[in-house]
Amino acid sequence: MPWWFWVLLWAVLALTGLAVLAILTLRTGRRALAALEAVSELGEDMTRRWEQGSAAVARHIRRTPVPGILVPLDQARREYLTGREARRDRLAARRIARRDRRGQPQRVDDLRRGAQKGNNHG
């Protein structure tokens, strides 16, 4: 066989190999881009959900507390007692509303608390 045949054969083989590699690279690239697009959409969805969730949580965040060791004792006691009373009032109001909805009798303590606060329940 003449020498130019071997050159031609190897050139065709090399070009065929490069064509196969190019086709495989394009297919893999398209799949990678599709996967990247899916990940991007998932990331945007997660970001949207995170922002909605953090906005809902941010409404319920109270002011940052001062460490208890730095607050004077009488002020800390006053804040604790007012907070406890507010929590009890909210709990009693929810309980009264729930029992009113269900048509159940009210607790005597709730009636007394309402009378002290100026609310008539039941």
PDB file of N, CA and C in Angstrom:
ATOM      1  N   MET A   1       0.842  -1.176   0.000  1.00  0.00           N
ATOM      2  CA  MET A   1       0.000   0.000   0.000  1.00  0.00           C
ATOM      3  C   MET A   1       0.889   1.242   0.000  1.00  0.00           C
ATOM      4  N   PRO A   2       0.457   2.208  -0.745  1.00  0.00           N
ATOM      5  CA  PRO A   2       1.273   3.419  -0.826  1.00  0.00           C
ATOM      6  C   PRO A   2       1.197   4.236   0.483  1.00  0.00           C
ATOM      7  N   TRP A   3       2.187   5.047   0.702  1.00  0.00           N
ATOM      8  CA  TRP A   3       2.280   5.824   1.942  1.00  0.00           C
ATOM      9  C   TRP A   3       1.133   6.824   2.079  1.00  0.00           C
ATOM     10  N   TRP A   4       0.653   7.424   0.972  1.00  0.00           N
ATOM     11  CA  TRP A   4      -0.428   8.411   1.032  1.00  0.00           C
ATOM     12  C   TRP A   4      -1.737   7.783   1.499  1.00  0.00           C
ATOM     13  N   PHE A   5      -1.905   6.450   1.273  1.00  0.00           N
ATOM     14  CA  PHE A   5      -3.102   5.766   1.753  1.00  0.00           C
ATOM     15  C   PHE A   5      -3.113   5.744   3.282  1.00  0.00           C
ATOM     16  N   TRP A   6      -1.957   5.477   3.881  1.00  0.00           N
ATOM     17  CA  TRP A   6      -1.879   5.455   5.343  1.00  0.00           C
ATOM     18  C   TRP A   6      -2.141   6.850   5.918  1.00  0.00           C
ATOM     19  N   VAL A   7      -1.643   7.861   5.304  1.00  0.00           N
ATOM     20  CA  VAL A   7      -1.887   9.240   5.747  1.00  0.00           C
ATOM     21  C   VAL A   7      -3.373   9.553   5.638  1.00  0.00           C
ATOM     22  N   LEU A   8      -3.969   9.185   4.527  1.00  0.00           N
ATOM     23  CA  LEU A   8      -5.401   9.417   4.328  1.00  0.00           C
ATOM     24  C   LEU A   8      -6.230   8.635   5.340  1.00  0.00           C
ATOM     25  N   LEU A   9      -5.861   7.364   5.581  1.00  0.00           N
ATOM     26  CA  LEU A   9      -6.592   6.530   6.539  1.00  0.00           C
ATOM     27  C   LEU A   9      -6.536   7.124   7.947  1.00  0.00           C
ATOM     28  N   TRP A  10      -5.348   7.503   8.392  1.00  0.00           N
ATOM     29  CA  TRP A  10      -5.216   8.073   9.732  1.00  0.00           C
ATOM     30  C   TRP A  10      -5.899   9.440   9.826  1.00  0.00           C
ATOM     31  N   ALA A  11      -5.891  10.210   8.806  1.00  0.00           N
ATOM     32  CA  ALA A  11      -6.589  11.503   8.810  1.00  0.00           C
ATOM     33  C   ALA A  11      -8.090  11.292   8.937  1.00  0.00           C
ATOM     34  N   VAL A  12      -8.627  10.327   8.188  1.00  0.00           N
ATOM     35  CA  VAL A  12     -10.065  10.024   8.274  1.00  0.00           C
ATOM     36  C   VAL A  12     -10.410   9.509   9.667  1.00  0.00           C
ATOM     37  N   LEU A  13      -9.570   8.608  10.201  1.00  0.00           N
ATOM     38  CA  LEU A  13      -9.825   8.091  11.555  1.00  0.00           C
ATOM     39  C   LEU A  13      -9.773   9.204  12.601  1.00  0.00           C
ATOM     40  N   ALA A  14      -8.802  10.085  12.487  1.00  0.00           N
ATOM     41  CA  ALA A  14      -8.684  11.188  13.444  1.00  0.00           C
ATOM     42  C   ALA A  14      -9.878  12.135  13.334  1.00  0.00           C
ATOM     43  N   LEU A  15     -10.269  12.462  12.106  1.00  0.00           N
ATOM     44  CA  LEU A  15     -11.422  13.348  11.925  1.00  0.00           C
ATOM     45  C   LEU A  15     -12.712  12.692  12.412  1.00  0.00           C
ATOM     46  N   THR A  16     -12.859  11.388  12.186  1.00  0.00           N
ATOM     47  CA  THR A  16     -14.039  10.667  12.680  1.00  0.00           C
ATOM     48  C   THR A  16     -14.051  10.663  14.209  1.00  0.00           C
ATOM     49  N   GLY A  17     -12.897  10.436  14.809  1.00  0.00           N
ATOM     50  CA  GLY A  17     -12.809  10.470  16.274  1.00  0.00           C
ATOM     51  C   GLY A  17     -13.159  11.839  16.830  1.00  0.00           C
ATOM     52  N   LEU A  18     -12.646  12.882  16.186  1.00  0.00           N
ATOM     53  CA  LEU A  18     -12.973  14.240  16.623  1.00  0.00           C
ATOM     54  C   LEU A  18     -14.456  14.545  16.444  1.00  0.00           C
ATOM     55  N   ALA A  19     -15.049  14.056  15.358  1.00  0.00           N
ATOM     56  CA  ALA A  19     -16.485  14.272  15.131  1.00  0.00           C
ATOM     57  C   ALA A  19     -17.304  13.572  16.211  1.00  0.00           C
ATOM     58  N   VAL A  20     -16.922  12.333  16.556  1.00  0.00           N
ATOM     59  CA  VAL A  20     -17.638  11.603  17.612  1.00  0.00           C
ATOM     60  C   VAL A  20     -17.500  12.340  18.939  1.00  0.00           C
ATOM     61  N   LEU A  21     -16.283  12.789  19.259  1.00  0.00           N
ATOM     62  CA  LEU A  21     -16.083  13.545  20.499  1.00  0.00           C
ATOM     63  C   LEU A  21     -16.896  14.840  20.505  1.00  0.00           C
ATOM     64  N   ALA A  22     -16.968  15.519  19.372  1.00  0.00           N
ATOM     65  CA  ALA A  22     -17.746  16.757  19.292  1.00  0.00           C
ATOM     66  C   ALA A  22     -19.227  16.479  19.511  1.00  0.00           C
ATOM     67  N   ILE A  23     -19.734  15.410  18.892  1.00  0.00           N
ATOM     68  CA  ILE A  23     -21.153  15.063  19.058  1.00  0.00           C
ATOM     69  C   ILE A  23     -21.445  14.708  20.513  1.00  0.00           C
ATOM     70  N   LEU A  24     -20.575  13.888  21.118  1.00  0.00           N
ATOM     71  CA  LEU A  24     -20.780  13.518  22.523  1.00  0.00           C
ATOM     72  C   LEU A  24     -20.684  14.734  23.440  1.00  0.00           C
ATOM     73  N   THR A  25     -19.764  15.637  23.145  1.00  0.00           N
ATOM     74  CA  THR A  25     -19.627  16.856  23.946  1.00  0.00           C
ATOM     75  C   THR A  25     -20.879  17.723  23.831  1.00  0.00           C
ATOM     76  N   LEU A  26     -21.413  17.851  22.628  1.00  0.00           N
ATOM     77  CA  LEU A  26     -22.631  18.640  22.449  1.00  0.00           C
ATOM     78  C   LEU A  26     -23.811  18.027  23.205  1.00  0.00           C
ATOM     79  N   ARG A  27     -23.968  16.706  23.107  1.00  0.00           N
ATOM     80  CA  ARG A  27     -25.074  16.045  23.811  1.00  0.00           C
ATOM     81  C   ARG A  27     -24.933  16.213  25.319  1.00  0.00           C
ATOM     82  N   THR A  28     -23.707  16.004  25.813  1.00  0.00           N
ATOM     83  CA  THR A  28     -23.472  16.153  27.250  1.00  0.00           C
ATOM     84  C   THR A  28     -23.680  17.602  27.680  1.00  0.00           C
ATOM     85  N   GLY A  29     -23.246  18.535  26.845  1.00  0.00           N
ATOM     86  CA  GLY A  29     -23.437  19.953  27.161  1.00  0.00           C
ATOM     87  C   GLY A  29     -24.903  20.326  27.224  1.00  0.00           C
ATOM     88  N   ARG A  30     -25.691  19.807  26.284  1.00  0.00           N
ATOM     89  CA  ARG A  30     -27.130  20.095  26.303  1.00  0.00           C
ATOM     90  C   ARG A  30     -27.787  19.526  27.555  1.00  0.00           C
ATOM     91  N   ARG A  31     -27.404  18.298  27.911  1.00  0.00           N
ATOM     92  CA  ARG A  31     -27.956  17.700  29.135  1.00  0.00           C
ATOM     93  C   ARG A  31     -27.532  18.497  30.367  1.00  0.00           C
ATOM     94  N   ALA A  32     -26.277  18.933  30.381  1.00  0.00           N
ATOM     95  CA  ALA A  32     -25.787  19.717  31.515  1.00  0.00           C
ATOM     96  C   ALA A  32     -26.532  21.046  31.608  1.00  0.00           C
ATOM     97  N   LEU A  33     -26.774  21.687  30.472  1.00  0.00           N
ATOM     98  CA  LEU A  33     -27.518  22.947  30.484  1.00  0.00           C
ATOM     99  C   LEU A  33     -28.956  22.739  30.953  1.00  0.00           C
ATOM    100  N   ALA A  34     -29.575  21.638  30.531  1.00  0.00           N
ATOM    101  CA  ALA A  34     -30.938  21.346  30.990  1.00  0.00           C
ATOM    102  C   ALA A  34     -30.947  21.098  32.496  1.00  0.00           C
ATOM    103  N   ALA A  35     -29.957  20.359  32.990  1.00  0.00           N
ATOM    104  CA  ALA A  35     -29.875  20.108  34.429  1.00  0.00           C
ATOM    105  C   ALA A  35     -29.597  21.404  35.180  1.00  0.00           C
ATOM    106  N   LEU A  36     -28.742  22.248  34.633  1.00  0.00           N
ATOM    107  CA  LEU A  36     -28.440  23.533  35.255  1.00  0.00           C
ATOM    108  C   LEU A  36     -29.674  24.425  35.292  1.00  0.00           C
ATOM    109  N   GLU A  37     -30.463  24.399  34.241  1.00  0.00           N
ATOM    110  CA  GLU A  37     -31.710  25.172  34.209  1.00  0.00           C
ATOM    111  C   GLU A  37     -32.682  24.674  35.282  1.00  0.00           C
ATOM    112  N   ALA A  38     -32.771  23.345  35.439  1.00  0.00           N
ATOM    113  CA  ALA A  38     -33.646  22.780  36.466  1.00  0.00           C
ATOM    114  C   ALA A  38     -33.167  23.177  37.858  1.00  0.00           C
ATOM    115  N   VAL A  39     -31.866  23.152  38.074  1.00  0.00           N
ATOM    116  CA  VAL A  39     -31.312  23.556  39.372  1.00  0.00           C
ATOM    117  C   VAL A  39     -31.564  25.038  39.609  1.00  0.00           C
ATOM    118  N   SER A  40     -31.445  25.838  38.571  1.00  0.00           N
ATOM    119  CA  SER A  40     -31.706  27.271  38.690  1.00  0.00           C
ATOM    120  C   SER A  40     -33.165  27.532  39.069  1.00  0.00           C
ATOM    121  N   GLU A  41     -34.091  26.839  38.418  1.00  0.00           N
ATOM    122  CA  GLU A  41     -35.509  26.993  38.755  1.00  0.00           C
ATOM    123  C   GLU A  41     -35.773  26.552  40.188  1.00  0.00           C
ATOM    124  N   LEU A  42     -35.151  25.452  40.588  1.00  0.00           N
ATOM    125  CA  LEU A  42     -35.304  24.980  41.962  1.00  0.00           C
ATOM    126  C   LEU A  42     -34.755  26.005  42.944  1.00  0.00           C
ATOM    127  N   GLY A  43     -33.613  26.594  42.621  1.00  0.00           N
ATOM    128  CA  GLY A  43     -33.025  27.617  43.486  1.00  0.00           C
ATOM    129  C   GLY A  43     -33.915  28.841  43.602  1.00  0.00           C
ATOM    130  N   GLU A  44     -34.493  29.272  42.482  1.00  0.00           N
ATOM    131  CA  GLU A  44     -35.399  30.423  42.521  1.00  0.00           C
ATOM    132  C   GLU A  44     -36.636  30.112  43.356  1.00  0.00           C
ATOM    133  N   ASP A  45     -37.159  28.895  43.208  1.00  0.00           N
ATOM    134  CA  ASP A  45     -38.321  28.491  43.991  1.00  0.00           C
ATOM    135  C   ASP A  45     -37.978  28.460  45.475  1.00  0.00           C
ATOM    136  N   MET A  46     -36.811  27.908  45.811  1.00  0.00           N
ATOM    137  CA  MET A  46     -36.394  27.854  47.213  1.00  0.00           C
ATOM    138  C   MET A  46     -36.183  29.261  47.769  1.00  0.00           C
ATOM    139  N   THR A  47     -35.612  30.150  46.963  1.00  0.00           N
ATOM    140  CA  THR A  47     -35.399  31.527  47.401  1.00  0.00           C
ATOM    141  C   THR A  47     -36.733  32.211  47.659  1.00  0.00           C
ATOM    142  N   ARG A  48     -37.686  32.008  46.754  1.00  0.00           N
ATOM    143  CA  ARG A  48     -39.007  32.624  46.933  1.00  0.00           C
ATOM    144  C   ARG A  48     -39.667  32.099  48.203  1.00  0.00           C
ATOM    145  N   ARG A  49     -39.601  30.780  48.406  1.00  0.00           N
ATOM    146  CA  ARG A  49     -40.199  30.208  49.614  1.00  0.00           C
ATOM    147  C   ARG A  49     -39.490  30.693  50.869  1.00  0.00           C
ATOM    148  N   TRP A  50     -38.164  30.811  50.808  1.00  0.00           N
ATOM    149  CA  TRP A  50     -37.393  31.272  51.963  1.00  0.00           C
ATOM    150  C   TRP A  50     -37.782  32.702  52.320  1.00  0.00           C
ATOM    151  N   GLU A  51     -37.911  33.562  51.298  1.00  0.00           N
ATOM    152  CA  GLU A  51     -38.275  34.951  51.553  1.00  0.00           C
ATOM    153  C   GLU A  51     -39.680  35.051  52.118  1.00  0.00           C
ATOM    154  N   GLN A  52     -40.615  34.248  51.599  1.00  0.00           N
ATOM    155  CA  GLN A  52     -41.969  34.265  52.136  1.00  0.00           C
ATOM    156  C   GLN A  52     -41.976  33.787  53.578  1.00  0.00           C
ATOM    157  N   GLY A  53     -41.237  32.724  53.853  1.00  0.00           N
ATOM    158  CA  GLY A  53     -41.185  32.193  55.210  1.00  0.00           C
ATOM    159  C   GLY A  53     -40.514  33.152  56.169  1.00  0.00           C
ATOM    160  N   SER A  54     -39.406  33.762  55.740  1.00  0.00           N
ATOM    161  CA  SER A  54     -38.707  34.678  56.635  1.00  0.00           C
ATOM    162  C   SER A  54     -39.517  35.953  56.842  1.00  0.00           C
ATOM    163  N   ALA A  55     -40.295  36.362  55.837  1.00  0.00           N
ATOM    164  CA  ALA A  55     -41.155  37.536  56.016  1.00  0.00           C
ATOM    165  C   ALA A  55     -42.249  37.227  57.028  1.00  0.00           C
ATOM    166  N   ALA A  56     -42.774  36.001  56.989  1.00  0.00           N
ATOM    167  CA  ALA A  56     -43.804  35.623  57.955  1.00  0.00           C
ATOM    168  C   ALA A  56     -43.220  35.532  59.355  1.00  0.00           C
ATOM    169  N   VAL A  57     -42.005  35.032  59.460  1.00  0.00           N
ATOM    170  CA  VAL A  57     -41.367  34.916  60.771  1.00  0.00           C
ATOM    171  C   VAL A  57     -40.972  36.286  61.282  1.00  0.00           C
ATOM    172  N   ALA A  58     -40.520  37.165  60.387  1.00  0.00           N
ATOM    173  CA  ALA A  58     -40.049  38.481  60.804  1.00  0.00           C
ATOM    174  C   ALA A  58     -41.166  39.293  61.449  1.00  0.00           C
ATOM    175  N   ARG A  59     -42.408  39.036  61.084  1.00  0.00           N
ATOM    176  CA  ARG A  59     -43.507  39.770  61.705  1.00  0.00           C
ATOM    177  C   ARG A  59     -43.658  39.412  63.170  1.00  0.00           C
ATOM    178  N   HIS A  60     -43.235  38.199  63.538  1.00  0.00           N
ATOM    179  CA  HIS A  60     -43.437  37.737  64.904  1.00  0.00           C
ATOM    180  C   HIS A  60     -42.195  37.894  65.777  1.00  0.00           C
ATOM    181  N   ILE A  61     -41.130  38.423  65.227  1.00  0.00           N
ATOM    182  CA  ILE A  61     -39.905  38.586  66.010  1.00  0.00           C
ATOM    183  C   ILE A  61     -40.051  39.806  66.905  1.00  0.00           C
ATOM    184  N   ARG A  62     -39.755  39.593  68.161  1.00  0.00           N
ATOM    185  CA  ARG A  62     -39.801  40.703  69.106  1.00  0.00           C
ATOM    186  C   ARG A  62     -38.465  41.429  69.097  1.00  0.00           C
ATOM    187  N   ARG A  63     -38.393  42.510  69.826  1.00  0.00           N
ATOM    188  CA  ARG A  63     -37.139  43.247  69.893  1.00  0.00           C
ATOM    189  C   ARG A  63     -36.084  42.369  70.546  1.00  0.00           C
ATOM    190  N   THR A  64     -34.848  42.640  70.233  1.00  0.00           N
ATOM    191  CA  THR A  64     -33.778  41.814  70.789  1.00  0.00           C
ATOM    192  C   THR A  64     -33.656  42.091  72.280  1.00  0.00           C
ATOM    193  N   PRO A  65     -33.675  41.054  73.089  1.00  0.00           N
ATOM    194  CA  PRO A  65     -33.627  41.270  74.529  1.00  0.00           C
ATOM    195  C   PRO A  65     -32.226  41.655  74.991  1.00  0.00           C
ATOM    196  N   VAL A  66     -32.203  42.431  76.049  1.00  0.00           N
ATOM    197  CA  VAL A  66     -30.946  42.766  76.710  1.00  0.00           C
ATOM    198  C   VAL A  66     -30.608  41.598  77.623  1.00  0.00           C
ATOM    199  N   PRO A  67     -29.364  41.165  77.675  1.00  0.00           N
ATOM    200  CA  PRO A  67     -29.030  40.061  78.572  1.00  0.00           C
ATOM    201  C   PRO A  67     -29.487  40.359  79.995  1.00  0.00           C
ATOM    202  N   GLY A  68     -30.099  39.362  80.622  1.00  0.00           N
ATOM    203  CA  GLY A  68     -30.703  39.549  81.940  1.00  0.00           C
ATOM    204  C   GLY A  68     -29.738  40.005  83.004  1.00  0.00           C
ATOM    205  N   ILE A  69     -28.493  39.711  82.852  1.00  0.00           N
ATOM    206  CA  ILE A  69     -27.522  40.093  83.872  1.00  0.00           C
ATOM    207  C   ILE A  69     -27.272  41.593  83.875  1.00  0.00           C
ATOM    208  N   LEU A  70     -27.592  42.276  82.756  1.00  0.00           N
ATOM    209  CA  LEU A  70     -27.358  43.712  82.651  1.00  0.00           C
ATOM    210  C   LEU A  70     -28.578  44.543  83.036  1.00  0.00           C
ATOM    211  N   VAL A  71     -29.730  43.915  83.201  1.00  0.00           N
ATOM    212  CA  VAL A  71     -30.963  44.636  83.522  1.00  0.00           C
ATOM    213  C   VAL A  71     -31.088  44.735  85.042  1.00  0.00           C
ATOM    214  N   PRO A  72     -31.457  45.913  85.554  1.00  0.00           N
ATOM    215  CA  PRO A  72     -31.671  46.018  86.999  1.00  0.00           C
ATOM    216  C   PRO A  72     -32.772  45.054  87.453  1.00  0.00           C
ATOM    217  N   LEU A  73     -32.648  44.571  88.671  1.00  0.00           N
ATOM    218  CA  LEU A  73     -33.532  43.527  89.173  1.00  0.00           C
ATOM    219  C   LEU A  73     -34.999  43.963  89.194  1.00  0.00           C
ATOM    220  N   ASP A  74     -35.278  45.169  89.691  1.00  0.00           N
ATOM    221  CA  ASP A  74     -36.679  45.604  89.761  1.00  0.00           C
ATOM    222  C   ASP A  74     -37.282  45.781  88.362  1.00  0.00           C
ATOM    223  N   GLN A  75     -36.492  46.258  87.408  1.00  0.00           N
ATOM    224  CA  GLN A  75     -36.999  46.396  86.038  1.00  0.00           C
ATOM    225  C   GLN A  75     -37.258  45.022  85.418  1.00  0.00           C
ATOM    226  N   ALA A  76     -36.364  44.067  85.642  1.00  0.00           N
ATOM    227  CA  ALA A  76     -36.552  42.718  85.101  1.00  0.00           C
ATOM    228  C   ALA A  76     -37.802  42.086  85.698  1.00  0.00           C
ATOM    229  N   ARG A  77     -38.011  42.268  86.998  1.00  0.00           N
ATOM    230  CA  ARG A  77     -39.199  41.704  87.654  1.00  0.00           C
ATOM    231  C   ARG A  77     -40.466  42.328  87.083  1.00  0.00           C
ATOM    232  N   ARG A  78     -40.444  43.661  86.896  1.00  0.00           N
ATOM    233  CA  ARG A  78     -41.602  44.361  86.343  1.00  0.00           C
ATOM    234  C   ARG A  78     -41.922  43.859  84.931  1.00  0.00           C
ATOM    235  N   GLU A  79     -40.884  43.731  84.090  1.00  0.00           N
ATOM    236  CA  GLU A  79     -41.099  43.235  82.727  1.00  0.00           C
ATOM    237  C   GLU A  79     -41.635  41.809  82.737  1.00  0.00           C
ATOM    238  N   TYR A  80     -41.119  40.988  83.633  1.00  0.00           N
ATOM    239  CA  TYR A  80     -41.595  39.608  83.720  1.00  0.00           C
ATOM    240  C   TYR A  80     -43.063  39.575  84.126  1.00  0.00           C
ATOM    241  N   LEU A  81     -43.428  40.349  85.135  1.00  0.00           N
ATOM    242  CA  LEU A  81     -44.814  40.328  85.616  1.00  0.00           C
ATOM    243  C   LEU A  81     -45.779  40.879  84.567  1.00  0.00           C
ATOM    244  N   THR A  82     -45.393  41.967  83.887  1.00  0.00           N
ATOM    245  CA  THR A  82     -46.290  42.501  82.852  1.00  0.00           C
ATOM    246  C   THR A  82     -46.402  41.526  81.679  1.00  0.00           C
ATOM    247  N   GLY A  83     -45.307  40.892  81.316  1.00  0.00           N
ATOM    248  CA  GLY A  83     -45.355  39.894  80.242  1.00  0.00           C
ATOM    249  C   GLY A  83     -46.206  38.703  80.622  1.00  0.00           C
ATOM    250  N   ARG A  84     -46.065  38.247  81.866  1.00  0.00           N
ATOM    251  CA  ARG A  84     -46.858  37.107  82.325  1.00  0.00           C
ATOM    252  C   ARG A  84     -48.342  37.458  82.326  1.00  0.00           C
ATOM    253  N   GLU A  85     -48.661  38.653  82.779  1.00  0.00           N
ATOM    254  CA  GLU A  85     -50.067  39.077  82.803  1.00  0.00           C
ATOM    255  C   GLU A  85     -50.622  39.185  81.379  1.00  0.00           C
ATOM    256  N   ALA A  86     -49.821  39.708  80.462  1.00  0.00           N
ATOM    257  CA  ALA A  86     -50.267  39.820  79.064  1.00  0.00           C
ATOM    258  C   ALA A  86     -50.481  38.434  78.460  1.00  0.00           C
ATOM    259  N   ARG A  87     -49.573  37.498  78.749  1.00  0.00           N
ATOM    260  CA  ARG A  87     -49.738  36.129  78.233  1.00  0.00           C
ATOM    261  C   ARG A  87     -50.993  35.494  78.801  1.00  0.00           C
ATOM    262  N   ARG A  88     -51.232  35.686  80.078  1.00  0.00           N
ATOM    263  CA  ARG A  88     -52.435  35.113  80.695  1.00  0.00           C
ATOM    264  C   ARG A  88     -53.703  35.732  80.106  1.00  0.00           C
ATOM    265  N   ASP A  89     -53.665  37.048  79.857  1.00  0.00           N
ATOM    266  CA  ASP A  89     -54.831  37.707  79.254  1.00  0.00           C
ATOM    267  C   ASP A  89     -55.106  37.174  77.847  1.00  0.00           C
ATOM    268  N   ARG A  90     -54.042  37.010  77.053  1.00  0.00           N
ATOM    269  CA  ARG A  90     -54.233  36.468  75.700  1.00  0.00           C
ATOM    270  C   ARG A  90     -54.778  35.047  75.754  1.00  0.00           C
ATOM    271  N   LEU A  91     -54.254  34.245  76.661  1.00  0.00           N
ATOM    272  CA  LEU A  91     -54.723  32.872  76.800  1.00  0.00           C
ATOM    273  C   LEU A  91     -56.190  32.846  77.227  1.00  0.00           C
ATOM    274  N   ALA A  92     -56.542  33.688  78.194  1.00  0.00           N
ATOM    275  CA  ALA A  92     -57.929  33.728  78.658  1.00  0.00           C
ATOM    276  C   ALA A  92     -58.861  34.214  77.546  1.00  0.00           C
ATOM    277  N   ALA A  93     -58.426  35.212  76.783  1.00  0.00           N
ATOM    278  CA  ALA A  93     -59.266  35.720  75.693  1.00  0.00           C
ATOM    279  C   ALA A  93     -59.497  34.634  74.645  1.00  0.00           C
ATOM    280  N   ARG A  94     -58.445  33.872  74.306  1.00  0.00           N
ATOM    281  CA  ARG A  94     -58.627  32.777  73.346  1.00  0.00           C
ATOM    282  C   ARG A  94     -59.546  31.709  73.909  1.00  0.00           C
ATOM    283  N   ARG A  95     -59.376  31.399  75.188  1.00  0.00           N
ATOM    284  CA  ARG A  95     -60.209  30.373  75.812  1.00  0.00           C
ATOM    285  C   ARG A  95     -61.671  30.823  75.855  1.00  0.00           C
ATOM    286  N   ILE A  96     -61.904  32.090  76.198  1.00  0.00           N
ATOM    287  CA  ILE A  96     -63.272  32.614  76.259  1.00  0.00           C
ATOM    288  C   ILE A  96     -63.912  32.587  74.873  1.00  0.00           C
ATOM    289  N   ALA A  97     -63.158  33.018  73.856  1.00  0.00           N
ATOM    290  CA  ALA A  97     -63.698  33.019  72.490  1.00  0.00           C
ATOM    291  C   ALA A  97     -64.012  31.596  72.037  1.00  0.00           C
ATOM    292  N   ARG A  98     -63.121  30.667  72.345  1.00  0.00           N
ATOM    293  CA  ARG A  98     -63.343  29.277  71.940  1.00  0.00           C
ATOM    294  C   ARG A  98     -64.576  28.710  72.635  1.00  0.00           C
ATOM    295  N   ARG A  99     -64.705  28.978  73.918  1.00  0.00           N
ATOM    296  CA  ARG A  99     -65.865  28.438  74.642  1.00  0.00           C
ATOM    297  C   ARG A  99     -67.161  29.122  74.213  1.00  0.00           C
ATOM    298  N   ASP A 100     -67.088  30.407  73.860  1.00  0.00           N
ATOM    299  CA  ASP A 100     -68.277  31.082  73.328  1.00  0.00           C
ATOM    300  C   ASP A 100     -68.703  30.450  72.005  1.00  0.00           C
ATOM    301  N   ARG A 101     -67.728  30.162  71.139  1.00  0.00           N
ATOM    302  CA  ARG A 101     -68.037  29.537  69.854  1.00  0.00           C
ATOM    303  C   ARG A 101     -68.685  28.181  70.049  1.00  0.00           C
ATOM    304  N   ARG A 102     -68.200  27.423  71.002  1.00  0.00           N
ATOM    305  CA  ARG A 102     -68.709  26.071  71.218  1.00  0.00           C
ATOM    306  C   ARG A 102     -69.955  26.049  72.104  1.00  0.00           C
ATOM    307  N   GLY A 103     -70.275  27.187  72.698  1.00  0.00           N
ATOM    308  CA  GLY A 103     -71.439  27.234  73.572  1.00  0.00           C
ATOM    309  C   GLY A 103     -71.194  26.571  74.920  1.00  0.00           C
ATOM    310  N   GLN A 104     -69.943  26.538  75.350  1.00  0.00           N
ATOM    311  CA  GLN A 104     -69.595  25.911  76.621  1.00  0.00           C
ATOM    312  C   GLN A 104     -69.608  26.951  77.733  1.00  0.00           C
ATOM    313  N   PRO A 105     -69.787  26.508  78.968  1.00  0.00           N
ATOM    314  CA  PRO A 105     -69.742  27.456  80.089  1.00  0.00           C
ATOM    315  C   PRO A 105     -68.322  27.987  80.298  1.00  0.00           C
ATOM    316  N   GLN A 106     -68.238  29.206  80.816  1.00  0.00           N
ATOM    317  CA  GLN A 106     -66.945  29.849  81.036  1.00  0.00           C
ATOM    318  C   GLN A 106     -66.381  29.479  82.406  1.00  0.00           C
ATOM    319  N   ARG A 107     -65.065  29.600  82.544  1.00  0.00           N
ATOM    320  CA  ARG A 107     -64.427  29.382  83.838  1.00  0.00           C
ATOM    321  C   ARG A 107     -64.680  30.592  84.721  1.00  0.00           C
ATOM    322  N   VAL A 108     -64.810  30.357  86.002  1.00  0.00           N
ATOM    323  CA  VAL A 108     -65.054  31.447  86.944  1.00  0.00           C
ATOM    324  C   VAL A 108     -63.860  32.398  86.967  1.00  0.00           C
ATOM    325  N   ASP A 109     -62.650  31.855  86.917  1.00  0.00           N
ATOM    326  CA  ASP A 109     -61.457  32.708  86.903  1.00  0.00           C
ATOM    327  C   ASP A 109     -61.461  33.636  85.692  1.00  0.00           C
ATOM    328  N   ASP A 110     -61.901  33.124  84.540  1.00  0.00           N
ATOM    329  CA  ASP A 110     -61.964  33.961  83.343  1.00  0.00           C
ATOM    330  C   ASP A 110     -62.996  35.065  83.511  1.00  0.00           C
ATOM    331  N   LEU A 111     -64.121  34.733  84.142  1.00  0.00           N
ATOM    332  CA  LEU A 111     -65.152  35.751  84.368  1.00  0.00           C
ATOM    333  C   LEU A 111     -64.643  36.827  85.322  1.00  0.00           C
ATOM    334  N   ARG A 112     -63.915  36.417  86.361  1.00  0.00           N
ATOM    335  CA  ARG A 112     -63.346  37.395  87.301  1.00  0.00           C
ATOM    336  C   ARG A 112     -62.298  38.263  86.611  1.00  0.00           C
ATOM    337  N   ARG A 113     -61.442  37.635  85.818  1.00  0.00           N
ATOM    338  CA  ARG A 113     -60.405  38.384  85.103  1.00  0.00           C
ATOM    339  C   ARG A 113     -61.057  39.399  84.162  1.00  0.00           C
ATOM    340  N   GLY A 114     -62.115  38.986  83.465  1.00  0.00           N
ATOM    341  CA  GLY A 114     -62.809  39.893  82.571  1.00  0.00           C
ATOM    342  C   GLY A 114     -63.475  41.029  83.324  1.00  0.00           C
ATOM    343  N   ALA A 115     -64.025  40.737  84.497  1.00  0.00           N
ATOM    344  CA  ALA A 115     -64.662  41.783  85.293  1.00  0.00           C
ATOM    345  C   ALA A 115     -63.617  42.784  85.782  1.00  0.00           C
ATOM    346  N   GLN A 116     -62.429  42.292  86.137  1.00  0.00           N
ATOM    347  CA  GLN A 116     -61.367  43.195  86.584  1.00  0.00           C
ATOM    348  C   GLN A 116     -60.867  44.069  85.439  1.00  0.00           C
ATOM    349  N   LYS A 117     -60.835  43.519  84.244  1.00  0.00           N
ATOM    350  CA  LYS A 117     -60.351  44.266  83.081  1.00  0.00           C
ATOM    351  C   LYS A 117     -61.454  45.122  82.457  1.00  0.00           C
ATOM    352  N   GLY A 118     -62.685  44.939  82.899  1.00  0.00           N
ATOM    353  CA  GLY A 118     -63.788  45.713  82.357  1.00  0.00           C
ATOM    354  C   GLY A 118     -64.503  45.024  81.215  1.00  0.00           C
ATOM    355  N   ASN A 119     -64.241  43.737  80.994  1.00  0.00           N
ATOM    356  CA  ASN A 119     -64.911  42.984  79.930  1.00  0.00           C
ATOM    357  C   ASN A 119     -65.957  42.082  80.553  1.00  0.00           C
ATOM    358  N   ASN A 120     -67.127  42.054  79.971  1.00  0.00           N
ATOM    359  CA  ASN A 120     -68.164  41.137  80.439  1.00  0.00           C
ATOM    360  C   ASN A 120     -68.213  39.943  79.505  1.00  0.00           C
ATOM    361  N   HIS A 121     -67.941  38.768  80.036  1.00  0.00           N
ATOM    362  CA  HIS A 121     -67.962  37.535  79.255  1.00  0.00           C
ATOM    363  C   HIS A 121     -69.066  36.659  79.800  1.00  0.00           C
ATOM    364  N   GLY A 122     -69.844  36.102  78.894  1.00  0.00           N
ATOM    365  CA  GLY A 122     -70.855  35.131  79.287  1.00  0.00           C
ATOM    366  C   GLY A 122     -71.992  35.816  79.859  1.00  0.00           C
TER     367      GLY A 122
END
